[in-house]
Amino acid sequence: MIGEYNTQRPHIILKEYGRNVQKLVEYIRNNPSKEKRTELAYTLIELIKQLTPTVKEQPENPQRVWDDLYIIADFNLDVNNPFPTPEREILFKKPLKVDYPQSQVRFKHYGKNIEKLVKEALKKEDPQEREDAIIYLGKLMKTFYGNWNKETIDDSVILKDIQEMSGGALNMTIEKVREDNLFEKLYKERKKLKPTGGSSNEGNDRRRQGQGGGGGHRQFNKGGGHKGNNFRRRRDQ
């Protein structure tokens, strides 16, 4: 007997269900009785729910499985569907194309939102508010640049970029920025804790030093700075 190769078999329409489900749909579709076709379709739906993991994980949409049966049957399935019969044009309708923003970003290492914030800062008429806006922009830009390049950028470069993006309207002296460290990053990277390198023997040595190296016991008298009765600390046996 000559074996049947996959290349000679019909194409699997929905691979998530497999070839056997597709054969059962074809069997149901060719049944002459609509009542029997409907009964078999309900049985197949329950079987799919048990065998297909994706259906188990998404039980909130039972209509989806019925729609899949119509897709497998090439929409040639006449049964009493508990849901509206799907239409080929609706299911295979291509989504609307989303326009990609075409605006140019001059300073990609800062991001487009920085340019938007610069425009908002230009609306500030109060000199103090405008200065606060420049400082906040500098902090943000220094933070974003560090995330992009993992390097340190000089404050003069940031100040120059702010002036360029604002057309020279947002300005501040570099001496003031450096003197007060106004463009400090908004957050600092966490430093990894380094192992102390100490051993348990070193800890024991420190404890021995605290106890002293005298005889069998040491007394702390009233005149030694400790109030109350004498305390004795014995050496470890």
Protein backbone atom coordinates (compact mmCIF):
# COMPACT_ATOMS: atom_id res chain seq x y z
CA MET A 1 0.00 0.00 0.00
CA ILE A 2 1.37 3.38 -1.04
CA GLY A 3 1.50 5.94 1.79
CA GLU A 4 -0.19 9.32 1.60
CA TYR A 5 2.14 12.31 1.76
CA ASN A 6 1.22 15.69 3.21
CA THR A 7 2.03 17.32 -0.12
CA GLN A 8 -0.79 15.26 -1.67
CA ARG A 9 -3.32 16.15 1.01
CA PRO A 10 -5.61 19.19 1.01
CA HIS A 11 -4.20 22.35 2.58
CA ILE A 12 -5.01 22.80 6.29
CA ILE A 13 -7.11 25.96 6.53
CA LEU A 14 -6.73 26.56 10.28
CA LYS A 15 -3.63 24.82 11.56
CA GLU A 16 -4.50 25.41 15.21
CA TYR A 17 -7.25 22.78 14.92
CA GLY A 18 -5.39 20.27 12.78
CA ARG A 19 -6.29 18.03 9.88
CA ASN A 20 -8.65 15.73 11.77
CA VAL A 21 -11.01 18.58 12.70
CA GLN A 22 -10.98 19.68 9.08
CA LYS A 23 -11.98 16.17 7.99
CA LEU A 24 -14.83 16.16 10.53
CA VAL A 25 -16.08 19.52 9.25
CA GLU A 26 -16.05 18.11 5.72
CA TYR A 27 -17.99 15.06 6.94
CA ILE A 28 -20.58 17.28 8.66
CA ARG A 29 -20.90 19.52 5.61
CA ASN A 30 -21.70 16.56 3.33
CA ASN A 31 -24.37 15.11 5.61
CA PRO A 32 -27.76 15.35 3.82
CA SER A 33 -29.79 16.11 6.98
CA LYS A 34 -29.63 19.67 8.37
CA GLU A 35 -30.81 18.44 11.75
CA LYS A 36 -28.03 15.85 11.83
CA ARG A 37 -25.48 18.41 10.62
CA THR A 38 -26.45 20.74 13.46
CA GLU A 39 -26.20 17.94 16.03
CA LEU A 40 -22.77 16.90 14.76
CA ALA A 41 -21.61 20.55 14.71
CA TYR A 42 -22.51 20.97 18.40
CA THR A 43 -20.64 17.76 19.20
CA LEU A 44 -17.59 18.94 17.27
CA ILE A 45 -17.65 22.28 19.08
CA GLU A 46 -17.49 20.52 22.45
CA LEU A 47 -14.71 18.27 21.18
CA ILE A 48 -12.71 21.30 20.03
CA LYS A 49 -13.10 22.90 23.45
CA GLN A 50 -11.58 19.81 25.05
CA LEU A 51 -8.73 19.28 22.59
CA THR A 52 -7.64 22.82 21.66
CA PRO A 53 -5.67 24.72 24.33
CA THR A 54 -6.33 28.14 22.79
CA VAL A 55 -10.08 27.65 23.13
CA LYS A 56 -9.71 26.59 26.77
CA GLU A 57 -7.76 29.75 27.53
CA GLN A 58 -10.36 32.01 25.92
CA PRO A 59 -13.78 30.63 26.88
CA GLU A 60 -15.35 34.11 26.93
CA ASN A 61 -15.82 34.14 23.13
CA PRO A 62 -17.80 31.01 22.13
CA GLN A 63 -18.85 32.55 18.81
CA ARG A 64 -15.25 32.42 17.63
CA VAL A 65 -15.28 28.60 17.38
CA TRP A 66 -18.47 28.63 15.33
CA ASP A 67 -16.96 31.20 12.99
CA ASP A 68 -13.91 28.99 12.64
CA LEU A 69 -16.11 26.08 11.56
CA TYR A 70 -17.48 28.23 8.73
CA ILE A 71 -13.96 29.25 7.73
CA ILE A 72 -12.83 25.61 7.63
CA ALA A 73 -15.92 24.72 5.54
CA ASP A 74 -15.18 27.62 3.16
CA PHE A 75 -18.47 29.19 4.35
CA ASN A 76 -20.39 26.31 2.80
CA LEU A 77 -22.00 25.00 6.00
CA ASP A 78 -25.75 24.92 6.49
CA VAL A 79 -26.52 24.37 10.21
CA ASN A 80 -28.66 26.03 12.86
CA ASN A 81 -25.96 28.32 14.19
CA PRO A 82 -26.68 29.81 17.67
CA PHE A 83 -24.88 32.94 16.48
CA PRO A 84 -25.25 35.11 13.37
CA THR A 85 -23.77 33.39 10.35
CA PRO A 86 -20.47 35.09 9.53
CA GLU A 87 -19.83 36.68 6.16
CA ARG A 88 -16.65 36.08 4.23
CA GLU A 89 -16.20 39.78 3.43
CA ILE A 90 -16.41 40.82 7.09
CA LEU A 91 -14.07 38.17 8.50
CA PHE A 92 -11.40 38.73 5.86
CA LYS A 93 -11.76 42.48 5.64
CA LYS A 94 -8.36 44.15 5.84
CA PRO A 95 -7.92 46.66 8.67
CA LEU A 96 -7.58 50.32 7.84
CA LYS A 97 -4.04 51.49 7.30
CA VAL A 98 -2.65 53.52 10.17
CA ASP A 99 -0.65 56.48 9.00
CA TYR A 100 2.88 56.54 10.39
CA PRO A 101 3.97 59.91 11.76
CA GLN A 102 6.22 61.60 9.23
CA SER A 103 7.59 64.39 11.41
CA GLN A 104 11.36 64.61 11.70
CA VAL A 105 13.03 64.30 15.10
CA ARG A 106 16.20 66.39 15.15
CA PHE A 107 17.55 64.98 18.40
CA LYS A 108 16.64 61.29 18.46
CA HIS A 109 18.67 60.65 21.63
CA TYR A 110 16.29 62.96 23.50
CA GLY A 111 13.04 61.84 21.86
CA LYS A 112 10.20 63.73 20.22
CA ASN A 113 8.45 64.57 23.48
CA ILE A 114 11.34 66.85 24.46
CA GLU A 115 10.59 69.06 21.47
CA LYS A 116 6.96 69.21 22.56
CA LEU A 117 8.04 70.24 26.06
CA VAL A 118 10.25 72.96 24.58
CA LYS A 119 7.20 74.38 22.79
CA GLU A 120 5.27 74.32 26.07
CA ALA A 121 8.14 76.09 27.83
CA LEU A 122 8.05 78.86 25.22
CA LYS A 123 4.49 79.64 26.31
CA LYS A 124 5.70 80.57 29.81
CA GLU A 125 5.77 84.34 30.21
CA ASP A 126 6.92 84.47 33.83
CA PRO A 127 10.77 84.53 33.95
CA GLN A 128 10.92 82.21 36.98
CA GLU A 129 8.56 79.66 35.38
CA ARG A 130 10.59 79.76 32.17
CA GLU A 131 13.81 79.21 34.13
CA ASP A 132 12.24 76.28 35.98
CA ALA A 133 11.21 74.85 32.62
CA ILE A 134 14.79 75.10 31.31
CA ILE A 135 16.12 73.31 34.39
CA TYR A 136 13.55 70.52 34.10
CA LEU A 137 14.30 70.14 30.38
CA GLY A 138 18.01 69.90 31.15
CA LYS A 139 17.42 67.17 33.73
CA LEU A 140 15.24 65.19 31.34
CA MET A 141 17.63 65.54 28.42
CA LYS A 142 20.61 64.47 30.49
CA THR A 143 18.67 61.43 31.73
CA PHE A 144 17.47 60.43 28.26
CA TYR A 145 20.91 60.91 26.75
CA GLY A 146 22.44 58.66 29.41
CA ASN A 147 19.87 55.95 28.66
CA TRP A 148 20.63 56.18 24.93
CA ASN A 149 24.43 56.35 24.98
CA LYS A 150 25.41 55.15 28.46
CA GLU A 151 27.81 58.07 28.50
CA THR A 152 28.03 61.41 30.26
CA ILE A 153 27.11 64.52 28.28
CA ASP A 154 28.44 67.94 29.14
CA ASP A 155 25.92 70.49 30.42
CA SER A 156 27.06 73.00 27.80
CA VAL A 157 25.92 70.63 25.04
CA ILE A 158 22.48 70.24 26.61
CA LEU A 159 22.15 74.00 27.04
CA LYS A 160 23.13 74.53 23.41
CA ASP A 161 20.54 71.98 22.24
CA ILE A 162 17.82 73.71 24.27
CA GLN A 163 18.73 77.02 22.68
CA GLU A 164 18.63 75.48 19.22
CA MET A 165 15.27 73.78 19.72
CA SER A 166 13.77 76.99 21.11
CA GLY A 167 15.27 79.27 18.49
CA GLY A 168 17.39 80.97 21.15
CA ALA A 169 14.38 81.93 23.30
CA LEU A 170 15.27 79.59 26.19
CA ASN A 171 18.62 80.62 27.55
CA MET A 172 20.68 80.35 30.73
CA THR A 173 24.34 80.84 31.54
CA ILE A 174 26.46 77.73 31.69
CA GLU A 175 28.18 79.07 34.80
CA LYS A 176 24.91 79.00 36.73
CA VAL A 177 24.10 75.51 35.52
CA ARG A 178 27.46 74.13 36.60
CA GLU A 179 27.63 76.04 39.88
CA ASP A 180 24.32 74.67 41.18
CA ASN A 181 24.44 71.38 39.21
CA LEU A 182 21.03 72.24 37.78
CA PHE A 183 21.07 69.57 35.08
CA GLU A 184 21.56 66.64 37.44
CA LYS A 185 19.87 63.42 36.28
CA LEU A 186 16.36 62.81 37.55
CA TYR A 187 17.44 59.46 38.93
CA LYS A 188 20.73 57.78 39.54
CA GLU A 189 21.68 54.25 38.59
CA ARG A 190 21.81 51.84 41.47
CA LYS A 191 25.29 50.75 42.34
CA LYS A 192 25.89 47.07 42.86
CA LEU A 193 26.83 46.17 46.37
CA LYS A 194 30.40 44.94 46.56
CA PRO A 195 31.22 42.02 48.83
CA THR A 196 33.01 43.10 51.97
CA GLY A 197 35.56 40.33 51.58
CA GLY A 198 35.64 39.78 55.33
CA SER A 199 35.68 36.29 56.74
CA SER A 200 34.14 34.80 59.82
CA ASN A 201 37.60 34.65 61.40
CA GLU A 202 37.93 38.43 61.05
CA GLY A 203 34.61 38.85 62.82
CA ASN A 204 35.80 36.62 65.60
CA ASP A 205 39.03 38.62 65.86
CA ARG A 206 37.06 41.84 66.24
CA ARG A 207 34.93 40.29 68.94
CA ARG A 208 38.06 39.10 70.74
CA GLN A 209 39.52 42.59 70.58
CA GLY A 210 36.36 43.95 72.18
CA GLN A 211 36.67 41.40 74.96
CA GLY A 212 40.33 42.00 75.59
CA GLY A 213 43.14 39.48 75.87
CA GLY A 214 43.63 39.33 79.63
CA GLY A 215 43.10 36.48 82.08
CA GLY A 216 40.11 34.31 82.76
CA HIS A 217 37.70 37.24 83.22
CA ARG A 218 37.56 40.99 83.05
CA GLN A 219 35.77 43.28 85.47
CA PHE A 220 34.01 46.58 84.66
CA ASN A 221 33.93 48.42 88.04
CA LYS A 222 31.81 51.40 88.96
CA GLY A 223 34.79 53.68 88.51
CA GLY A 224 35.30 52.47 84.96
CA GLY A 225 32.29 54.28 83.57
CA HIS A 226 29.66 51.54 84.06
CA LYS A 227 26.96 52.05 86.66
CA GLY A 228 25.47 49.29 88.77
CA ASN A 229 26.96 45.94 89.73
CA ASN A 230 30.12 44.51 88.23
CA PHE A 231 29.79 42.64 84.92
CA ARG A 232 31.92 39.70 84.06
CA ARG A 233 32.60 38.42 80.60
CA ARG A 234 34.13 35.00 80.34
CA ARG A 235 36.43 33.88 77.60
CA ASP A 236 35.04 31.25 75.20
CA GLN A 237 36.00 27.79 76.30
